[in-house]
Amino acid sequence: MKQWKIVMISAAAAALILSGCGKKEESQTRTAAKTETQAPAPVAKPEVKQLAETAAAQNEPAPKAEETTKPAAAAPAPAKKEVEKAANAIQESVQKSAEEAKTDASQKVEEAKKSVNAATLFTKCAGCHGMKGEKHALGQSNIIAGQSKEDLVKKITGYQQGTYGGAMKGLMQGQVKGLTPDEVEALADYISKL
């Protein structure tokens, strides 16, 4: 960017020098330039003149003659490419963040679906076993409060499969038949903490 400014200031200074000389000197300079290179003299644009005036007002050193021959329009092209590159990088970053957020939200929804509200499941059990699992269901079962989670999982799974239970086997099978393995785990954990 600094090099671009120098090129612009150099071009402006050269234009001012060419346009600032007397008509006789200007025509001699143009004649000499045409005979040496057969190229037309540079024409100063208003923004170039303004840059030269700004440079003069800020007491910046005069540009070297070699710097004035560089094309002023060539400098912005790399800057444009860098801006486009940065814009593309930002767009990719935004897209990646959006995809990650979408994936994260999907995972949380799936986790919420899987999560089991054991207290709600236990309300079905509480009718016979008591709100704290402290009763002998129908006067025949053991108190379920305080049993280990592992024992409760085995018993509930046994009731589901019809491989566990005495007199209450048929009744309990109907109560736990529709529970998923996750629900059995959550219910057993909940009861073991009563």
Protein backbone atom coordinates (compact mmCIF):
# COMPACT_ATOMS: atom_id res chain seq x y z
CA MET A 1 0.00 0.00 0.00
CA LYS A 2 2.88 2.37 0.81
CA GLN A 3 4.47 1.58 -2.55
CA TRP A 4 1.20 2.38 -4.29
CA LYS A 5 1.11 5.81 -2.61
CA ILE A 6 4.68 6.49 -3.69
CA VAL A 7 3.80 5.57 -7.28
CA MET A 8 0.76 7.84 -7.22
CA ILE A 9 2.69 10.72 -5.66
CA SER A 10 5.51 10.24 -8.16
CA ALA A 11 3.11 10.33 -11.07
CA ALA A 12 1.45 13.42 -9.65
CA ALA A 13 4.76 15.18 -9.13
CA ALA A 14 5.86 14.38 -12.67
CA ALA A 15 2.57 15.68 -14.00
CA LEU A 16 2.93 18.88 -12.01
CA ILE A 17 6.47 19.37 -13.18
CA LEU A 18 5.39 18.90 -16.77
CA SER A 19 2.33 21.08 -16.49
CA GLY A 20 3.99 23.69 -14.26
CA CYS A 21 6.77 24.70 -16.62
CA GLY A 22 6.45 27.59 -19.05
CA LYS A 23 5.01 26.96 -22.51
CA LYS A 24 8.41 27.24 -24.15
CA GLU A 25 9.97 24.75 -21.72
CA GLU A 26 6.92 22.51 -21.97
CA SER A 27 7.11 22.37 -25.76
CA GLN A 28 10.86 21.71 -25.60
CA THR A 29 10.30 18.91 -23.10
CA ARG A 30 7.56 17.38 -25.23
CA THR A 31 9.66 17.66 -28.39
CA ALA A 32 12.59 16.03 -26.63
CA ALA A 33 10.38 13.29 -25.19
CA LYS A 34 8.82 12.58 -28.60
CA THR A 35 12.14 12.39 -30.36
CA GLU A 36 13.67 10.14 -27.70
CA THR A 37 10.84 7.70 -27.07
CA GLN A 38 8.07 8.68 -29.48
CA ALA A 39 5.66 8.26 -26.53
CA PRO A 40 3.04 10.83 -25.57
CA ALA A 41 3.61 12.85 -22.41
CA PRO A 42 1.66 11.64 -19.33
CA VAL A 43 -1.57 13.43 -18.57
CA ALA A 44 -2.22 14.15 -14.93
CA LYS A 45 -5.61 13.12 -13.59
CA PRO A 46 -7.33 15.30 -10.97
CA GLU A 47 -6.81 12.71 -8.20
CA VAL A 48 -3.09 12.49 -9.07
CA LYS A 49 -2.76 16.25 -8.80
CA GLN A 50 -4.53 16.13 -5.45
CA LEU A 51 -2.14 13.45 -4.17
CA ALA A 52 0.84 15.52 -5.32
CA GLU A 53 -0.51 18.60 -3.59
CA THR A 54 -1.09 16.57 -0.41
CA ALA A 55 2.46 15.23 -0.56
CA ALA A 56 3.84 18.73 -1.07
CA ALA A 57 1.78 20.05 1.84
CA GLN A 58 3.15 17.29 4.09
CA ASN A 59 6.74 18.06 3.05
CA GLU A 60 7.37 14.57 1.79
CA PRO A 61 10.52 14.04 -0.29
CA ALA A 62 10.17 14.27 -4.05
CA PRO A 63 9.82 10.88 -5.73
CA LYS A 64 12.62 9.44 -7.81
CA ALA A 65 12.35 9.51 -11.59
CA GLU A 66 12.32 5.68 -11.84
CA GLU A 67 9.26 5.49 -9.61
CA THR A 68 7.26 7.73 -11.94
CA THR A 69 7.50 5.23 -14.78
CA LYS A 70 5.58 2.53 -12.88
CA PRO A 71 1.93 2.24 -13.88
CA ALA A 72 -0.36 3.57 -11.17
CA ALA A 73 -3.22 1.20 -12.03
CA ALA A 74 -1.14 -1.94 -11.38
CA ALA A 75 -1.04 -1.54 -7.60
CA PRO A 76 -4.75 -2.02 -6.77
CA ALA A 77 -5.02 -5.45 -8.46
CA PRO A 78 -3.16 -7.35 -5.72
CA ALA A 79 -5.18 -5.51 -3.10
CA LYS A 80 -8.41 -6.54 -4.81
CA LYS A 81 -7.27 -10.17 -4.84
CA GLU A 82 -6.45 -9.99 -1.13
CA VAL A 83 -9.84 -8.47 -0.34
CA GLU A 84 -11.56 -11.22 -2.34
CA LYS A 85 -9.43 -13.84 -0.59
CA ALA A 86 -10.34 -12.41 2.83
CA ALA A 87 -14.03 -12.26 1.89
CA ASN A 88 -13.95 -15.89 0.78
CA ALA A 89 -12.23 -16.92 4.01
CA ILE A 90 -14.88 -15.11 6.06
CA GLN A 91 -17.68 -16.71 4.05
CA GLU A 92 -16.16 -20.18 4.54
CA SER A 93 -15.80 -19.52 8.27
CA VAL A 94 -19.44 -18.44 8.55
CA GLN A 95 -20.61 -21.51 6.64
CA LYS A 96 -18.50 -23.80 8.82
CA SER A 97 -19.86 -22.18 12.00
CA ALA A 98 -23.43 -22.54 10.73
CA GLU A 99 -22.88 -26.22 9.94
CA GLU A 100 -21.34 -26.83 13.37
CA ALA A 101 -24.24 -25.07 15.09
CA LYS A 102 -26.74 -27.12 13.09
CA THR A 103 -24.94 -30.36 13.97
CA ASP A 104 -24.73 -29.34 17.64
CA ALA A 105 -28.45 -28.51 17.72
CA SER A 106 -29.32 -31.83 16.08
CA GLN A 107 -27.24 -33.70 18.64
CA LYS A 108 -28.93 -31.88 21.51
CA VAL A 109 -32.37 -32.69 20.11
CA GLU A 110 -31.41 -36.36 19.84
CA GLU A 111 -30.06 -36.33 23.39
CA ALA A 112 -33.25 -34.72 24.62
CA LYS A 113 -35.29 -37.41 22.88
CA LYS A 114 -33.16 -40.07 24.54
CA SER A 115 -33.21 -38.48 27.96
CA VAL A 116 -35.76 -40.06 30.21
CA ASN A 117 -37.66 -38.34 32.93
CA ALA A 118 -37.47 -41.11 35.52
CA ALA A 119 -39.65 -39.22 38.01
CA THR A 120 -42.47 -39.21 35.44
CA LEU A 121 -41.98 -42.93 34.79
CA PHE A 122 -42.06 -43.65 38.52
CA THR A 123 -45.52 -42.10 38.93
CA LYS A 124 -46.88 -45.31 37.38
CA CYS A 125 -45.03 -47.35 40.04
CA ALA A 126 -45.97 -45.05 42.93
CA GLY A 127 -49.63 -46.16 42.82
CA CYS A 128 -48.65 -49.50 44.38
CA HIS A 129 -45.13 -48.94 45.76
CA GLY A 130 -45.71 -45.49 47.33
CA MET A 131 -44.25 -42.11 46.39
CA LYS A 132 -40.93 -43.00 48.01
CA GLY A 133 -40.98 -46.71 47.11
CA GLU A 134 -41.61 -47.43 50.81
CA LYS A 135 -44.63 -49.78 50.53
CA HIS A 136 -45.10 -53.48 49.93
CA ALA A 137 -47.07 -53.40 46.66
CA LEU A 138 -50.50 -54.95 47.30
CA GLY A 139 -49.02 -56.27 50.53
CA GLN A 140 -47.01 -58.92 48.66
CA SER A 141 -43.79 -57.41 47.18
CA ASN A 142 -40.59 -56.28 48.79
CA ILE A 143 -39.99 -52.59 49.43
CA ILE A 144 -38.17 -51.27 46.36
CA ALA A 145 -36.61 -48.13 47.92
CA GLY A 146 -32.91 -48.61 48.61
CA GLN A 147 -32.38 -51.60 46.31
CA SER A 148 -29.30 -51.36 44.07
CA LYS A 149 -29.64 -50.11 40.53
CA GLU A 150 -28.19 -53.37 39.15
CA ASP A 151 -30.76 -55.51 41.04
CA LEU A 152 -33.62 -53.29 39.92
CA VAL A 153 -32.49 -53.46 36.26
CA LYS A 154 -32.39 -57.29 36.47
CA LYS A 155 -35.83 -57.45 38.09
CA ILE A 156 -37.53 -55.01 35.70
CA THR A 157 -35.93 -56.72 32.67
CA GLY A 158 -36.96 -60.10 34.11
CA TYR A 159 -40.56 -58.87 34.46
CA GLN A 160 -40.49 -57.67 30.83
CA GLN A 161 -39.25 -61.06 29.59
CA GLY A 162 -41.48 -63.08 31.95
CA THR A 163 -38.44 -64.72 33.61
CA TYR A 164 -38.73 -63.06 37.02
CA GLY A 165 -41.37 -62.68 39.67
CA GLY A 166 -43.69 -64.70 41.76
CA ALA A 167 -47.33 -63.86 42.36
CA MET A 168 -46.87 -60.35 40.93
CA LYS A 169 -45.17 -61.56 37.73
CA GLY A 170 -48.21 -61.13 35.43
CA LEU A 171 -49.18 -57.75 36.86
CA MET A 172 -45.63 -56.38 36.69
CA GLN A 173 -45.06 -57.64 33.16
CA GLY A 174 -47.96 -55.49 31.97
CA GLN A 175 -46.60 -52.45 33.85
CA VAL A 176 -43.03 -52.56 32.47
CA LYS A 177 -43.61 -54.16 29.06
CA GLY A 178 -43.32 -50.93 27.00
CA LEU A 179 -40.16 -49.57 28.68
CA THR A 180 -37.06 -49.11 26.54
CA PRO A 181 -33.63 -50.18 27.86
CA ASP A 182 -32.80 -46.49 28.51
CA GLU A 183 -36.03 -46.06 30.46
CA VAL A 184 -35.32 -49.22 32.50
CA GLU A 185 -31.85 -47.85 33.38
CA ALA A 186 -33.22 -44.43 34.33
CA LEU A 187 -36.08 -45.88 36.39
CA ALA A 188 -33.77 -48.29 38.23
CA ASP A 189 -31.34 -45.46 38.98
CA TYR A 190 -34.17 -43.26 40.27
CA ILE A 191 -35.64 -45.96 42.52
CA SER A 192 -32.19 -46.87 43.92
CA LYS A 193 -31.83 -43.28 45.17
CA LEU A 194 -35.20 -43.11 46.96
